[in-house]
Amino acid sequence: MTSWHSSWHSYRARWRGADYPASPEPHALELWVRLRSAEPLDGFEEVEPGCHVRTVPVTECEWLRFVTVVCRWRGEPFQVHAERDGLLLLEYLGASVHTARELGLERVERGVWRAWAPRGEVAELREEAVPITAENHHF
């Protein structure tokens, strides 16, 4: 099965003018970021075939972002969490319990409503990137 997106949630960083898939890596005094590249690059270590990494302080990055995939289903906003057998696992981003119930969503926990929806019914799939700063994220 081919997925529209390799990962429904991921971090990305820009370092020295290039964008990389990234992973935050908390250290004792500051946040570091583990950058990944499929290609061998100067200063990157090959950890497995086709995967090269380099860890740098977040302060050396131009930006760090958390990227999710959002969409609309039956006119309402959702975030995509997984894909299986032509279905997408959607989490409702709206705040209306009434609407969630009308859509037949399953209550996972207080304020969290999800459903598996046929991919063909899902519209406006797009990435949404949220900047990560010391003020809005704690690792």
Protein backbone atom coordinates (compact mmCIF):
# COMPACT_ATOMS: atom_id res chain seq x y z
CA MET A 1 0.00 0.00 0.00
CA THR A 2 1.31 3.44 -0.88
CA SER A 3 0.79 6.10 1.72
CA TRP A 4 0.23 9.74 0.80
CA HIS A 5 2.55 10.70 3.59
CA SER A 6 5.48 8.82 5.10
CA SER A 7 4.71 10.07 8.59
CA TRP A 8 1.55 11.74 9.83
CA HIS A 9 3.50 13.51 12.61
CA SER A 10 7.12 14.58 12.41
CA TYR A 11 9.65 17.23 13.28
CA ARG A 12 11.62 19.19 10.71
CA ALA A 13 14.53 21.56 11.15
CA ARG A 14 16.41 23.98 8.94
CA TRP A 15 20.14 23.90 9.56
CA ARG A 16 22.73 25.75 7.46
CA GLY A 17 20.10 26.55 4.83
CA ALA A 18 18.84 22.98 4.29
CA ASP A 19 15.72 21.26 5.66
CA TYR A 20 16.00 17.92 7.46
CA PRO A 21 13.71 15.42 9.14
CA ALA A 22 14.55 15.91 12.80
CA SER A 23 14.06 14.61 16.33
CA PRO A 24 14.32 16.77 19.45
CA GLU A 25 16.90 15.41 21.87
CA PRO A 26 16.86 17.01 25.33
CA HIS A 27 20.26 17.48 26.96
CA ALA A 28 20.98 18.66 30.48
CA LEU A 29 21.23 22.37 29.75
CA GLU A 30 19.73 22.84 26.29
CA LEU A 31 17.73 21.22 23.53
CA TRP A 32 19.62 19.49 20.73
CA VAL A 33 18.18 18.28 17.44
CA ARG A 34 19.04 15.04 15.68
CA LEU A 35 19.07 15.72 11.92
CA ARG A 36 18.61 12.89 9.40
CA SER A 37 19.67 12.58 5.78
CA ALA A 38 19.33 9.73 3.28
CA GLU A 39 22.57 10.92 1.65
CA PRO A 40 26.03 10.99 3.23
CA LEU A 41 26.84 14.57 4.24
CA ASP A 42 29.87 16.15 5.87
CA GLY A 43 29.67 15.67 9.64
CA PHE A 44 26.79 13.16 9.42
CA GLU A 45 27.35 9.62 10.68
CA GLU A 46 25.82 6.63 8.88
CA VAL A 47 23.80 4.73 11.50
CA GLU A 48 22.26 2.27 9.04
CA PRO A 49 22.25 1.99 5.26
CA GLY A 50 20.60 5.11 3.83
CA CYS A 51 20.33 6.87 7.21
CA HIS A 52 22.89 9.47 8.24
CA VAL A 53 22.52 11.58 11.39
CA ARG A 54 24.08 14.61 13.00
CA THR A 55 23.10 16.09 16.35
CA VAL A 56 23.32 19.87 16.76
CA PRO A 57 22.13 22.38 19.39
CA VAL A 58 18.72 23.78 18.48
CA THR A 59 20.29 27.25 18.71
CA GLU A 60 22.25 26.40 15.50
CA CYS A 61 18.99 25.73 13.63
CA GLU A 62 17.15 28.46 11.75
CA TRP A 63 13.90 26.81 12.86
CA LEU A 64 12.37 23.66 14.32
CA ARG A 65 8.78 22.72 13.47
CA PHE A 66 6.30 20.01 14.42
CA VAL A 67 4.47 18.93 11.28
CA THR A 68 1.07 17.22 11.23
CA VAL A 69 -1.37 16.38 8.46
CA VAL A 70 -4.82 17.95 8.72
CA CYS A 71 -7.91 17.55 6.56
CA ARG A 72 -11.66 18.00 6.35
CA TRP A 73 -14.16 15.15 6.62
CA ARG A 74 -17.88 15.74 6.28
CA GLY A 75 -17.13 19.46 6.43
CA GLU A 76 -15.33 19.34 9.78
CA PRO A 77 -11.62 19.76 10.65
CA PHE A 78 -9.52 16.73 11.59
CA GLN A 79 -5.94 15.67 12.13
CA VAL A 80 -4.74 12.43 10.50
CA HIS A 81 -3.11 9.92 12.86
CA ALA A 82 -2.75 6.72 10.82
CA GLU A 83 -3.66 4.93 7.61
CA ARG A 84 -4.75 1.32 7.22
CA ASP A 85 -6.42 -0.56 4.36
CA GLY A 86 -7.65 2.58 2.60
CA LEU A 87 -8.93 4.14 5.82
CA LEU A 88 -7.55 7.16 7.66
CA LEU A 89 -7.70 7.47 11.44
CA LEU A 90 -8.99 10.98 12.04
CA GLU A 91 -9.08 12.99 15.27
CA TYR A 92 -11.67 15.74 15.47
CA LEU A 93 -10.20 19.24 15.89
CA GLY A 94 -13.52 20.94 16.53
CA ALA A 95 -14.84 21.68 20.01
CA SER A 96 -18.48 20.61 19.63
CA VAL A 97 -19.46 17.43 21.45
CA HIS A 98 -22.79 17.63 19.63
CA THR A 99 -21.08 17.64 16.21
CA ALA A 100 -18.75 14.80 17.25
CA ARG A 101 -21.74 12.69 18.21
CA GLU A 102 -23.61 13.61 15.00
CA LEU A 103 -20.60 12.43 12.99
CA GLY A 104 -20.64 9.11 14.85
CA LEU A 105 -17.15 9.64 16.28
CA GLU A 106 -15.79 7.40 19.02
CA ARG A 107 -14.92 9.15 22.28
CA VAL A 108 -11.36 8.06 23.13
CA GLU A 109 -11.06 10.23 26.23
CA ARG A 110 -12.49 13.52 27.44
CA GLY A 111 -12.40 15.94 24.51
CA VAL A 112 -10.81 13.43 22.10
CA TRP A 113 -13.02 12.02 19.34
CA ARG A 114 -11.79 9.75 16.55
CA ALA A 115 -13.07 7.78 13.57
CA TRP A 116 -11.75 5.64 10.73
CA ALA A 117 -12.88 7.22 7.45
CA PRO A 118 -12.53 6.00 3.85
CA ARG A 119 -9.68 7.90 2.26
CA GLY A 120 -11.92 8.87 -0.67
CA GLU A 121 -14.23 10.80 1.68
CA VAL A 122 -11.40 12.90 3.13
CA ALA A 123 -10.75 16.31 1.56
CA GLU A 124 -8.12 19.03 1.77
CA LEU A 125 -5.24 16.87 3.06
CA ARG A 126 -2.38 19.22 3.86
CA GLU A 127 0.58 19.61 6.15
CA GLU A 128 0.42 22.06 9.00
CA ALA A 129 3.69 23.16 10.62
CA VAL A 130 3.88 24.65 14.11
CA PRO A 131 7.09 26.46 15.10
CA ILE A 132 8.73 24.99 18.21
CA THR A 133 10.25 27.46 20.65
CA ALA A 134 11.29 27.26 24.27
CA GLU A 135 8.15 29.22 25.13
CA ASN A 136 5.61 26.85 23.52
CA HIS A 137 7.15 23.43 23.99
CA HIS A 138 8.74 21.53 26.83
CA PHE A 139 10.90 18.48 26.24
